[in-house]
């Protein structure tokens, strides 16, 4: 089966006949043939996972589900979780988290897991490492770490101010300040704005944008 559309029809026909072992073989052959075509490759793996589900093959569901999770597919996270008892799951979860933590990149998958599993301590460390993420993660962090949330906002805005050189960038900082108003009290926000005005008194466009912020 050289063409993916023919393979897919054969897989669907095998599903219709409940021939799940045949589905698995067709998928494995397709994965080998299309190993450099990521979109098609994932399609075969998705069908293969479905076949394992129908067979009740827990072990292969675990293996393939974990592979999906580590490739940033959140839809398989909770599927994987229910395949383990609670004590065994903690070890698997730690393996997943440590894998993401070993990379220097931001990961929406990692963020979603931390929020789902209610791990604010790890979320704090992540936001401190990647301050820009505070803009959309602050609501999850604020109840447990109010002062740290405040400080990450300040750090992020100070970093942006240092490199800002045009009105577009100044506007962006002011929009972030307006988000920050939901976190810091009015006095703290006003103090921060005044500090920016003093530090960047020689940037009239920045001062103009800061003056537009309603506190």
N, C-alpha and C. Protein backbone atom coordinates (compact mmCIF):
# COMPACT_ATOMS: atom_id res chain seq x y z
N UNK A 1 0.84 -1.19 0.00
CA UNK A 1 0.00 0.00 0.00
C UNK A 1 0.88 1.25 0.00
N UNK A 2 1.19 1.72 -1.20
CA UNK A 2 2.13 2.82 -1.34
C UNK A 2 1.47 4.19 -1.09
N UNK A 3 0.18 4.28 -1.25
CA UNK A 3 -0.49 5.56 -1.13
C UNK A 3 -1.30 5.63 0.15
N UNK A 4 -1.13 6.73 0.86
CA UNK A 4 -1.72 6.84 2.20
C UNK A 4 -3.24 6.77 2.19
N UNK A 5 -3.89 7.29 1.12
CA UNK A 5 -5.36 7.25 1.11
C UNK A 5 -5.86 5.81 0.99
N UNK A 6 -5.14 4.98 0.23
CA UNK A 6 -5.53 3.57 0.12
C UNK A 6 -5.32 2.86 1.46
N UNK A 7 -4.21 3.18 2.12
CA UNK A 7 -3.93 2.57 3.42
C UNK A 7 -5.02 2.97 4.42
N UNK A 8 -5.41 4.23 4.39
CA UNK A 8 -6.42 4.69 5.34
C UNK A 8 -7.77 3.98 5.11
N UNK A 9 -8.13 3.79 3.86
CA UNK A 9 -9.37 3.06 3.56
C UNK A 9 -9.29 1.62 4.04
N UNK A 10 -8.12 1.00 3.89
CA UNK A 10 -7.94 -0.37 4.36
C UNK A 10 -8.04 -0.44 5.89
N UNK A 11 -7.48 0.56 6.56
CA UNK A 11 -7.55 0.61 8.02
C UNK A 11 -8.99 0.78 8.47
N UNK A 12 -9.72 1.69 7.84
CA UNK A 12 -11.11 1.92 8.22
C UNK A 12 -11.96 0.68 7.97
N UNK A 13 -11.68 -0.03 6.87
CA UNK A 13 -12.41 -1.27 6.57
C UNK A 13 -12.11 -2.33 7.63
N UNK A 14 -10.85 -2.41 8.06
CA UNK A 14 -10.48 -3.37 9.09
C UNK A 14 -11.15 -3.03 10.43
N UNK A 15 -11.25 -1.76 10.73
CA UNK A 15 -11.97 -1.33 11.94
C UNK A 15 -13.43 -1.78 11.86
N UNK A 16 -14.02 -1.57 10.70
CA UNK A 16 -15.43 -1.93 10.50
C UNK A 16 -15.65 -3.43 10.74
N UNK A 17 -14.65 -4.23 10.39
CA UNK A 17 -14.75 -5.68 10.57
C UNK A 17 -14.20 -6.13 11.94
N UNK A 18 -13.82 -5.16 12.77
CA UNK A 18 -13.23 -5.44 14.10
C UNK A 18 -11.94 -6.26 14.00
N UNK A 19 -11.23 -6.08 12.90
CA UNK A 19 -9.95 -6.78 12.72
C UNK A 19 -8.81 -5.87 13.22
N UNK A 20 -8.70 -5.77 14.53
CA UNK A 20 -7.80 -4.78 15.13
C UNK A 20 -6.32 -5.13 14.95
N UNK A 21 -6.00 -6.41 14.93
CA UNK A 21 -4.61 -6.81 14.70
C UNK A 21 -4.18 -6.39 13.29
N UNK A 22 -5.10 -6.49 12.35
CA UNK A 22 -4.81 -6.06 10.98
C UNK A 22 -4.60 -4.55 10.94
N UNK A 23 -5.43 -3.82 11.69
CA UNK A 23 -5.27 -2.36 11.78
C UNK A 23 -3.86 -2.03 12.26
N UNK A 24 -3.44 -2.71 13.31
CA UNK A 24 -2.12 -2.44 13.90
C UNK A 24 -1.01 -2.69 12.89
N UNK A 25 -1.12 -3.81 12.15
CA UNK A 25 -0.09 -4.12 11.14
C UNK A 25 -0.06 -3.06 10.04
N UNK A 26 -1.25 -2.66 9.57
CA UNK A 26 -1.31 -1.63 8.53
C UNK A 26 -0.70 -0.32 9.03
N UNK A 27 -0.97 0.01 10.27
CA UNK A 27 -0.44 1.25 10.85
C UNK A 27 1.08 1.19 11.01
N UNK A 28 1.57 0.08 11.53
CA UNK A 28 3.01 -0.06 11.72
C UNK A 28 3.76 0.00 10.38
N UNK A 29 3.19 -0.64 9.37
CA UNK A 29 3.80 -0.58 8.03
C UNK A 29 3.79 0.87 7.52
N UNK A 30 2.67 1.55 7.75
CA UNK A 30 2.56 2.95 7.31
C UNK A 30 3.53 3.85 8.05
N UNK A 31 3.71 3.59 9.34
CA UNK A 31 4.65 4.41 10.13
C UNK A 31 6.08 4.25 9.62
N UNK A 32 6.40 3.06 9.22
CA UNK A 32 7.74 2.82 8.67
C UNK A 32 7.90 3.52 7.32
N UNK A 33 6.87 3.42 6.50
CA UNK A 33 6.93 3.99 5.16
C UNK A 33 6.91 5.52 5.20
N UNK A 34 6.14 6.08 6.13
CA UNK A 34 5.94 7.54 6.17
C UNK A 34 6.65 8.18 7.36
N UNK A 35 7.76 7.62 7.77
CA UNK A 35 8.41 8.09 9.00
C UNK A 35 8.92 9.52 8.90
N UNK A 36 9.07 10.04 7.69
CA UNK A 36 9.53 11.42 7.52
C UNK A 36 8.39 12.40 7.23
N UNK A 37 7.17 11.89 7.18
CA UNK A 37 5.99 12.75 6.93
C UNK A 37 5.20 12.84 8.23
N UNK A 38 5.50 13.86 9.04
CA UNK A 38 5.01 13.89 10.41
C UNK A 38 3.50 13.85 10.55
N UNK A 39 2.79 14.57 9.67
CA UNK A 39 1.33 14.60 9.75
C UNK A 39 0.72 13.23 9.51
N UNK A 40 1.19 12.57 8.48
CA UNK A 40 0.68 11.23 8.14
C UNK A 40 1.12 10.22 9.20
N UNK A 41 2.34 10.37 9.66
CA UNK A 41 2.87 9.47 10.70
C UNK A 41 1.98 9.49 11.94
N UNK A 42 1.58 10.70 12.35
CA UNK A 42 0.73 10.80 13.53
C UNK A 42 -0.64 10.16 13.29
N UNK A 43 -1.13 10.28 12.07
CA UNK A 43 -2.43 9.67 11.73
C UNK A 43 -2.38 8.16 11.95
N UNK A 44 -1.30 7.50 11.49
CA UNK A 44 -1.18 6.05 11.65
C UNK A 44 -1.08 5.68 13.14
N UNK A 45 -0.35 6.49 13.89
CA UNK A 45 -0.21 6.22 15.32
C UNK A 45 -1.54 6.40 16.06
N UNK A 46 -2.31 7.38 15.62
CA UNK A 46 -3.63 7.61 16.23
C UNK A 46 -4.55 6.43 15.98
N UNK A 47 -4.55 5.92 14.76
CA UNK A 47 -5.36 4.73 14.44
C UNK A 47 -4.86 3.52 15.26
N UNK A 48 -3.55 3.42 15.39
CA UNK A 48 -2.98 2.29 16.13
C UNK A 48 -3.39 2.35 17.60
N UNK A 49 -3.39 3.55 18.16
CA UNK A 49 -3.82 3.71 19.56
C UNK A 49 -5.28 3.27 19.71
N UNK A 50 -6.10 3.66 18.75
CA UNK A 50 -7.52 3.29 18.79
C UNK A 50 -7.69 1.77 18.73
N UNK A 51 -6.85 1.11 17.94
CA UNK A 51 -6.90 -0.35 17.86
C UNK A 51 -6.52 -0.97 19.20
N UNK A 52 -5.49 -0.43 19.85
CA UNK A 52 -5.09 -0.93 21.17
C UNK A 52 -6.23 -0.75 22.18
N UNK A 53 -6.93 0.39 22.08
CA UNK A 53 -8.09 0.61 22.97
C UNK A 53 -9.15 -0.47 22.77
N UNK A 54 -9.44 -0.76 21.52
CA UNK A 54 -10.46 -1.77 21.22
C UNK A 54 -10.05 -3.16 21.67
N UNK A 55 -8.75 -3.43 21.65
CA UNK A 55 -8.24 -4.73 22.10
C UNK A 55 -8.08 -4.80 23.61
N UNK A 56 -8.16 -3.64 24.27
CA UNK A 56 -7.91 -3.60 25.72
C UNK A 56 -6.44 -3.84 26.04
N UNK A 57 -5.57 -3.46 25.11
CA UNK A 57 -4.13 -3.64 25.28
C UNK A 57 -3.55 -2.46 26.07
N UNK A 58 -3.56 -2.59 27.38
CA UNK A 58 -3.16 -1.49 28.26
C UNK A 58 -1.69 -1.12 28.07
N UNK A 59 -0.84 -2.12 27.98
CA UNK A 59 0.60 -1.85 27.92
C UNK A 59 0.96 -1.03 26.69
N UNK A 60 0.40 -1.39 25.55
CA UNK A 60 0.72 -0.63 24.34
C UNK A 60 0.03 0.73 24.32
N UNK A 61 -1.13 0.83 24.96
CA UNK A 61 -1.75 2.15 25.12
C UNK A 61 -0.84 3.06 25.94
N UNK A 62 -0.26 2.50 27.00
CA UNK A 62 0.65 3.28 27.85
C UNK A 62 1.86 3.78 27.06
N UNK A 63 2.47 2.87 26.30
CA UNK A 63 3.68 3.23 25.55
C UNK A 63 3.39 4.31 24.51
N UNK A 64 2.33 4.09 23.74
CA UNK A 64 2.01 5.04 22.67
C UNK A 64 1.45 6.33 23.24
N UNK A 65 0.64 6.22 24.29
CA UNK A 65 0.09 7.42 24.93
C UNK A 65 1.19 8.30 25.48
N UNK A 66 2.19 7.70 26.11
CA UNK A 66 3.32 8.47 26.64
C UNK A 66 4.07 9.17 25.50
N UNK A 67 4.25 8.46 24.41
CA UNK A 67 4.95 9.06 23.25
C UNK A 67 4.19 10.28 22.73
N UNK A 68 2.86 10.18 22.69
CA UNK A 68 2.04 11.32 22.27
C UNK A 68 2.21 12.50 23.23
N UNK A 69 2.15 12.21 24.52
CA UNK A 69 2.27 13.27 25.54
C UNK A 69 3.61 13.98 25.42
N UNK A 70 4.67 13.22 25.25
CA UNK A 70 6.00 13.82 25.17
C UNK A 70 6.21 14.58 23.86
N UNK A 71 5.27 14.39 22.92
CA UNK A 71 5.30 15.16 21.67
C UNK A 71 4.30 16.32 21.72
N UNK A 72 3.89 16.69 22.96
CA UNK A 72 3.04 17.86 23.18
C UNK A 72 1.57 17.66 22.80
N UNK A 73 1.08 16.44 22.83
CA UNK A 73 -0.33 16.21 22.53
C UNK A 73 -1.11 16.03 23.84
N UNK A 74 -1.73 17.10 24.29
CA UNK A 74 -2.40 17.09 25.60
C UNK A 74 -3.64 16.19 25.62
N UNK A 75 -4.21 15.92 24.45
CA UNK A 75 -5.43 15.09 24.42
C UNK A 75 -5.19 13.69 24.97
N UNK A 76 -3.93 13.25 24.98
CA UNK A 76 -3.63 11.90 25.47
C UNK A 76 -3.20 11.89 26.93
N UNK A 77 -3.07 13.06 27.54
CA UNK A 77 -2.57 13.10 28.91
C UNK A 77 -3.52 12.41 29.88
N UNK A 78 -4.78 12.81 29.85
CA UNK A 78 -5.73 12.21 30.79
C UNK A 78 -6.06 10.76 30.40
N UNK A 79 -6.00 10.45 29.11
CA UNK A 79 -6.16 9.06 28.69
C UNK A 79 -5.07 8.19 29.31
N UNK A 80 -3.85 8.73 29.30
CA UNK A 80 -2.72 8.00 29.87
C UNK A 80 -2.88 7.87 31.38
N UNK A 81 -3.32 8.92 32.01
CA UNK A 81 -3.43 8.94 33.47
C UNK A 81 -4.36 7.85 33.99
N UNK A 82 -5.48 7.62 33.31
CA UNK A 82 -6.45 6.64 33.80
C UNK A 82 -5.98 5.20 33.60
N UNK A 83 -4.88 5.03 32.88
CA UNK A 83 -4.34 3.67 32.68
C UNK A 83 -3.46 3.22 33.84
N UNK A 84 -3.27 4.11 34.82
CA UNK A 84 -2.43 3.80 35.98
C UNK A 84 -3.21 3.99 37.28
N UNK A 85 -2.84 3.22 38.30
CA UNK A 85 -3.38 3.50 39.62
C UNK A 85 -2.67 4.74 40.16
N UNK A 86 -3.27 5.44 41.14
CA UNK A 86 -2.72 6.73 41.59
C UNK A 86 -1.26 6.71 42.00
N UNK A 87 -0.83 5.68 42.71
CA UNK A 87 0.57 5.66 43.18
C UNK A 87 1.54 5.45 42.01
N UNK A 88 1.17 4.57 41.08
CA UNK A 88 2.03 4.35 39.91
C UNK A 88 2.08 5.58 39.01
N UNK A 89 0.96 6.29 38.95
CA UNK A 89 0.88 7.46 38.08
C UNK A 89 1.86 8.54 38.49
N UNK A 90 2.08 8.71 39.79
CA UNK A 90 2.99 9.77 40.26
C UNK A 90 4.38 9.63 39.65
N UNK A 91 4.84 8.39 39.53
CA UNK A 91 6.16 8.14 38.93
C UNK A 91 6.17 8.51 37.45
N UNK A 92 5.10 8.15 36.75
CA UNK A 92 4.99 8.47 35.32
C UNK A 92 4.90 9.98 35.14
N UNK A 93 4.09 10.62 35.98
CA UNK A 93 3.94 12.07 35.89
C UNK A 93 5.28 12.78 36.10
N UNK A 94 6.04 12.29 37.06
CA UNK A 94 7.34 12.90 37.33
C UNK A 94 8.28 12.73 36.14
N UNK A 95 8.21 11.57 35.49
CA UNK A 95 9.02 11.35 34.29
C UNK A 95 8.63 12.34 33.19
N UNK A 96 7.33 12.54 33.00
CA UNK A 96 6.84 13.48 31.98
C UNK A 96 7.32 14.89 32.30
N UNK A 97 7.14 15.31 33.55
CA UNK A 97 7.50 16.67 33.94
C UNK A 97 9.00 16.90 33.82
N UNK A 98 9.79 15.93 34.27
CA UNK A 98 11.25 16.10 34.21
C UNK A 98 11.74 16.16 32.77
N UNK A 99 11.06 15.45 31.88
CA UNK A 99 11.42 15.50 30.46
C UNK A 99 11.23 16.91 29.91
N UNK A 100 10.08 17.52 30.23
CA UNK A 100 9.83 18.90 29.78
C UNK A 100 10.78 19.89 30.47
N UNK A 101 11.07 19.63 31.74
CA UNK A 101 11.93 20.54 32.49
C UNK A 101 13.37 20.52 32.02
N UNK A 102 13.75 19.46 31.34
CA UNK A 102 15.14 19.34 30.87
C UNK A 102 15.40 20.17 29.61
N UNK A 103 14.35 20.75 29.03
CA UNK A 103 14.52 21.58 27.84
C UNK A 103 14.52 23.05 28.25
N UNK A 104 15.10 23.88 27.43
CA UNK A 104 15.17 25.32 27.71
C UNK A 104 13.98 26.07 27.12
N UNK A 105 13.10 25.34 26.44
CA UNK A 105 12.03 25.99 25.71
C UNK A 105 10.74 26.09 26.53
N UNK A 106 9.93 27.08 26.19
CA UNK A 106 8.59 27.17 26.76
C UNK A 106 7.73 26.07 26.17
N UNK A 107 6.80 25.54 26.97
CA UNK A 107 5.94 24.46 26.50
C UNK A 107 4.52 24.65 27.03
N UNK A 108 3.58 24.85 26.11
CA UNK A 108 2.18 24.96 26.52
C UNK A 108 1.68 23.64 27.12
N UNK A 109 2.23 22.55 26.64
CA UNK A 109 1.88 21.24 27.18
C UNK A 109 2.26 21.18 28.66
N UNK A 110 3.46 21.57 28.97
CA UNK A 110 3.95 21.57 30.36
C UNK A 110 3.09 22.48 31.23
N UNK A 111 2.78 23.66 30.71
CA UNK A 111 1.92 24.59 31.45
C UNK A 111 0.57 23.96 31.76
N UNK A 112 -0.02 23.32 30.75
CA UNK A 112 -1.35 22.71 30.92
C UNK A 112 -1.33 21.61 31.97
N UNK A 113 -0.25 20.82 31.99
CA UNK A 113 -0.13 19.75 32.98
C UNK A 113 -0.04 20.34 34.39
N UNK A 114 0.77 21.37 34.56
CA UNK A 114 0.95 21.98 35.88
C UNK A 114 -0.37 22.55 36.41
N UNK A 115 -1.16 23.14 35.52
CA UNK A 115 -2.45 23.69 35.93
C UNK A 115 -3.44 22.57 36.25
N UNK A 116 -3.49 21.56 35.39
CA UNK A 116 -4.40 20.44 35.60
C UNK A 116 -4.09 19.70 36.90
N UNK A 117 -2.81 19.48 37.15
CA UNK A 117 -2.38 18.70 38.32
C UNK A 117 -2.24 19.57 39.59
N UNK A 118 -2.50 20.86 39.43
CA UNK A 118 -2.41 21.81 40.55
C UNK A 118 -1.03 21.73 41.23
N UNK A 119 -0.03 22.13 40.48
CA UNK A 119 1.34 22.13 40.97
C UNK A 119 1.89 23.56 40.93
N UNK A 120 1.38 24.42 41.82
CA UNK A 120 1.77 25.84 41.74
C UNK A 120 3.25 26.09 42.00
N UNK A 121 3.90 25.23 42.78
CA UNK A 121 5.33 25.44 43.04
C UNK A 121 6.15 25.29 41.75
N UNK A 122 5.79 24.30 40.94
CA UNK A 122 6.48 24.12 39.66
C UNK A 122 6.10 25.22 38.67
N UNK A 123 4.84 25.66 38.75
CA UNK A 123 4.39 26.74 37.87
C UNK A 123 5.15 28.03 38.19
N UNK A 124 5.38 28.28 39.47
CA UNK A 124 6.16 29.45 39.88
C UNK A 124 7.57 29.39 39.29
N UNK A 125 8.23 28.26 39.44
CA UNK A 125 9.60 28.11 38.92
C UNK A 125 9.62 28.31 37.41
N UNK A 126 8.60 27.82 36.73
CA UNK A 126 8.51 27.95 35.27
C UNK A 126 8.34 29.41 34.87
N UNK A 127 7.46 30.13 35.56
CA UNK A 127 7.24 31.54 35.24
C UNK A 127 8.47 32.39 35.55
N UNK A 128 9.18 32.02 36.59
CA UNK A 128 10.42 32.74 36.91
C UNK A 128 11.47 32.52 35.82
N UNK A 129 11.47 31.33 35.25
CA UNK A 129 12.41 31.01 34.16
C UNK A 129 11.98 31.67 32.85
N UNK A 130 10.66 31.78 32.65
CA UNK A 130 10.11 32.37 31.42
C UNK A 130 9.13 33.47 31.81
N UNK A 131 9.62 34.66 32.19
CA UNK A 131 8.74 35.71 32.73
C UNK A 131 7.58 36.13 31.83
N UNK A 132 7.75 36.03 30.52
CA UNK A 132 6.68 36.45 29.61
C UNK A 132 5.41 35.61 29.79
N UNK A 133 5.54 34.40 30.32
CA UNK A 133 4.37 33.53 30.51
C UNK A 133 3.45 34.05 31.61
N UNK A 134 3.93 34.98 32.43
CA UNK A 134 3.10 35.50 33.52
C UNK A 134 1.85 36.19 32.97
N UNK A 135 1.91 36.68 31.72
CA UNK A 135 0.80 37.41 31.14
C UNK A 135 -0.46 36.57 31.03
N UNK A 136 -0.31 35.25 30.87
CA UNK A 136 -1.50 34.40 30.78
C UNK A 136 -1.57 33.33 31.87
N UNK A 137 -0.52 33.24 32.70
CA UNK A 137 -0.53 32.24 33.78
C UNK A 137 -0.75 32.86 35.16
N UNK A 138 -0.82 34.18 35.22
CA UNK A 138 -0.86 34.83 36.54
C UNK A 138 -2.08 34.43 37.37
N UNK A 139 -3.22 34.16 36.72
CA UNK A 139 -4.42 33.80 37.48
C UNK A 139 -4.25 32.45 38.19
N UNK A 140 -3.47 31.56 37.59
CA UNK A 140 -3.22 30.26 38.21
C UNK A 140 -2.18 30.35 39.32
N UNK A 141 -1.33 31.36 39.24
CA UNK A 141 -0.24 31.50 40.20
C UNK A 141 -0.60 32.39 41.39
N UNK A 142 -1.45 33.37 41.14
CA UNK A 142 -1.74 34.41 42.13
C UNK A 142 -2.26 33.91 43.47
N UNK A 143 -3.20 32.95 43.52
CA UNK A 143 -3.73 32.53 44.83
C UNK A 143 -2.66 31.99 45.78
N UNK A 144 -1.67 31.29 45.25
CA UNK A 144 -0.64 30.68 46.10
C UNK A 144 0.59 31.55 46.28
N UNK A 145 0.89 32.38 45.27
CA UNK A 145 2.13 33.16 45.31
C UNK A 145 1.87 34.61 44.88
N UNK A 146 1.13 35.37 45.67
CA UNK A 146 0.82 36.75 45.26
C UNK A 146 2.04 37.65 45.12
N UNK A 147 2.96 37.62 46.10
CA UNK A 147 4.12 38.51 46.02
C UNK A 147 5.06 38.11 44.89
N UNK A 148 5.22 36.80 44.68
CA UNK A 148 6.08 36.33 43.59
C UNK A 148 5.49 36.68 42.22
N UNK A 149 4.16 36.58 42.12
CA UNK A 149 3.48 36.95 40.87
C UNK A 149 3.75 38.42 40.56
N UNK A 150 3.62 39.26 41.58
CA UNK A 150 3.90 40.69 41.45
C UNK A 150 5.34 40.90 40.95
N UNK A 151 6.29 40.20 41.53
CA UNK A 151 7.69 40.41 41.18
C UNK A 151 8.00 39.95 39.76
N UNK A 152 7.38 38.86 39.32
CA UNK A 152 7.61 38.38 37.95
C UNK A 152 7.08 39.40 36.94
N UNK A 153 5.90 39.97 37.23
CA UNK A 153 5.37 41.04 36.37
C UNK A 153 6.37 42.19 36.26
N UNK A 154 6.85 42.64 37.43
CA UNK A 154 7.79 43.76 37.46
C UNK A 154 9.05 43.44 36.64
N UNK A 155 9.60 42.25 36.87
CA UNK A 155 10.81 41.84 36.15
C UNK A 155 10.58 41.84 34.64
N UNK A 156 9.46 41.28 34.23
CA UNK A 156 9.15 41.19 32.80
C UNK A 156 9.01 42.58 32.20
N UNK A 157 8.30 43.47 32.87
CA UNK A 157 8.09 44.82 32.34
C UNK A 157 9.39 45.62 32.32
N UNK A 158 10.22 45.45 33.33
CA UNK A 158 11.52 46.13 33.34
C UNK A 158 12.40 45.64 32.20
N UNK A 159 12.39 44.34 31.95
CA UNK A 159 13.18 43.78 30.84
C UNK A 159 12.73 44.36 29.50
N UNK A 160 11.41 44.46 29.32
CA UNK A 160 10.88 45.01 28.07
C UNK A 160 11.22 46.48 27.92
N UNK A 161 11.13 47.22 29.02
CA UNK A 161 11.41 48.66 28.98
C UNK A 161 12.85 48.93 28.58
N UNK A 162 13.74 48.07 29.01
CA UNK A 162 15.17 48.27 28.72
C UNK A 162 15.47 48.18 27.23
N UNK A 163 14.70 47.37 26.51
CA UNK A 163 14.98 47.18 25.08
C UNK A 163 13.99 47.91 24.16
N UNK A 164 12.94 48.51 24.75
CA UNK A 164 11.93 49.20 23.94
C UNK A 164 12.54 50.43 23.29
N UNK A 165 12.26 50.61 21.99
CA UNK A 165 12.84 51.75 21.26
C UNK A 165 11.83 52.47 20.37
N UNK A 166 10.58 52.01 20.33
CA UNK A 166 9.60 52.69 19.49
C UNK A 166 8.23 52.68 20.16
N UNK A 167 7.30 53.44 19.60
CA UNK A 167 5.98 53.60 20.23
C UNK A 167 5.21 52.28 20.30
N UNK A 168 5.37 51.44 19.31
CA UNK A 168 4.68 50.14 19.33
C UNK A 168 5.10 49.34 20.56
N UNK A 169 6.38 49.34 20.85
CA UNK A 169 6.88 48.61 22.02
C UNK A 169 6.43 49.28 23.32
N UNK A 170 6.39 50.60 23.31
CA UNK A 170 5.92 51.32 24.50
C UNK A 170 4.44 51.00 24.76
N UNK A 171 3.65 50.96 23.69
CA UNK A 171 2.23 50.63 23.84
C UNK A 171 2.06 49.22 24.43
N UNK A 172 2.90 48.30 23.97
CA UNK A 172 2.84 46.93 24.47
C UNK A 172 3.12 46.88 25.98
N UNK A 173 4.13 47.63 26.41
CA UNK A 173 4.44 47.66 27.84
C UNK A 173 3.27 48.23 28.62
N UNK A 174 2.64 49.27 28.10
CA UNK A 174 1.52 49.89 28.80
C UNK A 174 0.31 48.95 28.87
N UNK A 175 0.12 48.14 27.83
CA UNK A 175 -0.95 47.13 27.88
C UNK A 175 -0.67 46.10 28.97
N UNK A 176 0.61 45.74 29.13
CA UNK A 176 0.98 44.79 30.18
C UNK A 176 0.77 45.42 31.55
N UNK A 177 1.07 46.72 31.67
CA UNK A 177 0.83 47.41 32.94
C UNK A 177 -0.65 47.36 33.30
N UNK A 178 -1.52 47.49 32.30
CA UNK A 178 -2.96 47.42 32.56
C UNK A 178 -3.37 46.02 33.02
N UNK A 179 -2.70 44.99 32.49
CA UNK A 179 -2.94 43.64 33.00
C UNK A 179 -2.42 43.53 34.43
N UNK A 180 -1.27 44.13 34.67
CA UNK A 180 -0.65 44.09 36.00
C UNK A 180 -1.54 44.77 37.05
N UNK A 181 -2.35 45.73 36.62
CA UNK A 181 -3.25 46.41 37.55
C UNK A 181 -4.20 45.42 38.24
N UNK A 182 -4.46 44.29 37.58
CA UNK A 182 -5.34 43.28 38.18
C UNK A 182 -4.64 42.51 39.29
N UNK A 183 -3.32 42.62 39.33
CA UNK A 183 -2.51 41.87 40.30
C UNK A 183 -2.04 42.76 41.44
N UNK A 184 -1.39 43.87 41.08
CA UNK A 184 -0.86 44.77 42.09
C UNK A 184 -1.92 45.75 42.57
N UNK A 185 -1.77 46.25 43.81
CA UNK A 185 -2.73 47.25 44.26
C UNK A 185 -2.41 48.59 43.59
N UNK A 186 -3.34 49.52 43.71
CA UNK A 186 -3.24 50.79 42.99
C UNK A 186 -1.95 51.54 43.33
N UNK A 187 -1.55 51.52 44.58
CA UNK A 187 -0.35 52.23 45.01
C UNK A 187 0.90 51.64 44.34
N UNK A 188 1.01 50.31 44.32
CA UNK A 188 2.17 49.66 43.71
C UNK A 188 2.25 49.96 42.22
N UNK A 189 1.10 49.93 41.55
CA UNK A 189 1.07 50.19 40.11
C UNK A 189 1.51 51.62 39.84
N UNK A 190 0.96 52.56 40.61
CA UNK A 190 1.32 53.97 40.42
C UNK A 190 2.82 54.19 40.68
N UNK A 191 3.35 53.54 41.70
CA UNK A 191 4.79 53.68 42.01
C UNK A 191 5.64 53.15 40.86
N UNK A 192 5.20 52.04 40.29
CA UNK A 192 5.97 51.46 39.18
C UNK A 192 5.94 52.38 37.96
N UNK A 193 4.78 52.94 37.66
CA UNK A 193 4.67 53.86 36.53
C UNK A 193 5.57 55.07 36.74
N UNK A 194 5.57 55.61 37.94
CA UNK A 194 6.41 56.78 38.23
C UNK A 194 7.89 56.44 38.11
N UNK A 195 8.24 55.23 38.52
CA UNK A 195 9.64 54.80 38.41
C UNK A 195 10.06 54.71 36.94
N UNK A 196 9.15 54.20 36.10
CA UNK A 196 9.44 54.14 34.66
C UNK A 196 9.61 55.54 34.09
N UNK A 197 8.75 56.47 34.50
CA UNK A 197 8.84 57.85 34.00
C UNK A 197 10.18 58.48 34.36
N UNK A 198 10.65 58.20 35.57
CA UNK A 198 11.92 58.77 36.02
C UNK A 198 13.10 58.13 35.27
N UNK A 199 13.03 56.81 35.12
CA UNK A 199 14.14 56.08 34.48
C UNK A 199 14.25 56.43 33.01
N UNK A 200 13.10 56.63 32.34
CA UNK A 200 13.10 56.85 30.89
C UNK A 200 12.56 58.24 30.56
N UNK A 201 12.99 59.23 31.33
CA UNK A 201 12.51 60.60 31.16
C UNK A 201 12.92 61.19 29.82
N UNK A 202 13.90 60.56 29.17
CA UNK A 202 14.37 61.07 27.87
C UNK A 202 13.71 60.37 26.69
N UNK A 203 12.61 59.68 26.95
CA UNK A 203 11.86 59.02 25.87
C UNK A 203 10.44 59.57 25.84
N UNK A 204 10.22 60.69 25.16
CA UNK A 204 8.91 61.36 25.19
C UNK A 204 7.74 60.48 24.73
N UNK A 205 7.98 59.63 23.74
CA UNK A 205 6.89 58.77 23.26
C UNK A 205 6.47 57.78 24.36
N UNK A 206 7.45 57.29 25.11
CA UNK A 206 7.16 56.36 26.22
C UNK A 206 6.39 57.11 27.31
N UNK A 207 6.82 58.32 27.65
CA UNK A 207 6.14 59.11 28.66
C UNK A 207 4.70 59.41 28.24
N UNK A 208 4.52 59.66 26.95
CA UNK A 208 3.18 59.93 26.43
C UNK A 208 2.26 58.72 26.62
N UNK A 209 2.77 57.54 26.29
CA UNK A 209 1.96 56.32 26.44
C UNK A 209 1.68 56.02 27.92
N UNK A 210 2.69 56.21 28.77
CA UNK A 210 2.50 55.98 30.21
C UNK A 210 1.43 56.93 30.77
N UNK A 211 1.39 58.14 30.24
CA UNK A 211 0.41 59.12 30.70
C UNK A 211 -1.02 58.77 30.34
N UNK A 212 -1.20 57.87 29.37
CA UNK A 212 -2.54 57.48 28.94
C UNK A 212 -3.15 56.39 29.83
N UNK A 213 -2.34 55.81 30.71
CA UNK A 213 -2.84 54.70 31.53
C UNK A 213 -3.75 55.26 32.61
N UNK A 214 -4.97 54.71 32.66
CA UNK A 214 -5.92 55.11 33.70
C UNK A 214 -5.75 54.19 34.89
N UNK A 215 -5.49 54.75 36.01
CA UNK A 215 -5.26 53.92 37.21
C UNK A 215 -6.51 53.86 38.07
